[in-house]
């Protein structure tokens, strides 16, 4: 009978990290929680490709019935071990607060959960909560630091200096608002930005002074552009990923925001 109460770890049907989805929380695993307090373990796959990614925080999403989460333990692929004691009651259809994972973004190897479905006030028994574990990637944290800016687009820089272009839709089409300043964030690997040129939809151009080295997880300040707010037609980037030639096929992702 215990098998009826244990969770089903839906791990491999996770996600594909893309430019469009990178701003969202990633689904790491799901399980069913029985009425009695129990301990269950979620095993995640190796940290590579789209099967598992580095995260900086976890969130508990509950469906169908309320859930009581008494304990949450996380084991990372680098061997580190973190004990979280959220002691939170999550209503059906609600999410817990984000539970920060101290330190740099890391891939999770195992999640240990102790909890149960809160069905005491319900007439029917043997009801189970559906619980989903979400992860927040470094890119999500970067977007939060973008101070309300709108995401305009991203490029990937290889370890050889190259020229990349982001072409935006017409000004009246979402999500391309009028902007007067830009900001960039860098993820996955450090990046060297040599030139940043902005072309507006009225034909004007401006070059922004951002010749700089950015660490992975870093961002520029808001870069003011002269004149009134305008719609951007293209963003031209010249730069490369700083991999110190140790991982020549790795790339840095550079994302641009406007406000």
Foldseek 3Di string as FASTA:
>chain_A
DVVLAWWDWPAQVWDADDFVPLLDWTWGTKTKFFADKDKYKHFFDDDDHRRWHWFFWKKKAKADFKKFWQWKKWAFPVGDIDTDGPRDIAGHGGMDPIGGDPDDTTTTGMMMTIIHTPCVVPPDHGDIMMMIMTGRHLVNVVVVVVPPFAWFTKDKFFADWDKDKDFGDDAVDPPWDFFFWKKKAKADFKKFWQWKKWAFPVGDIDTWPDRDIAGHSGMDDITGHPDGTTTTGMIMTIIHTPPVPPDRGDIMMMIMTGD
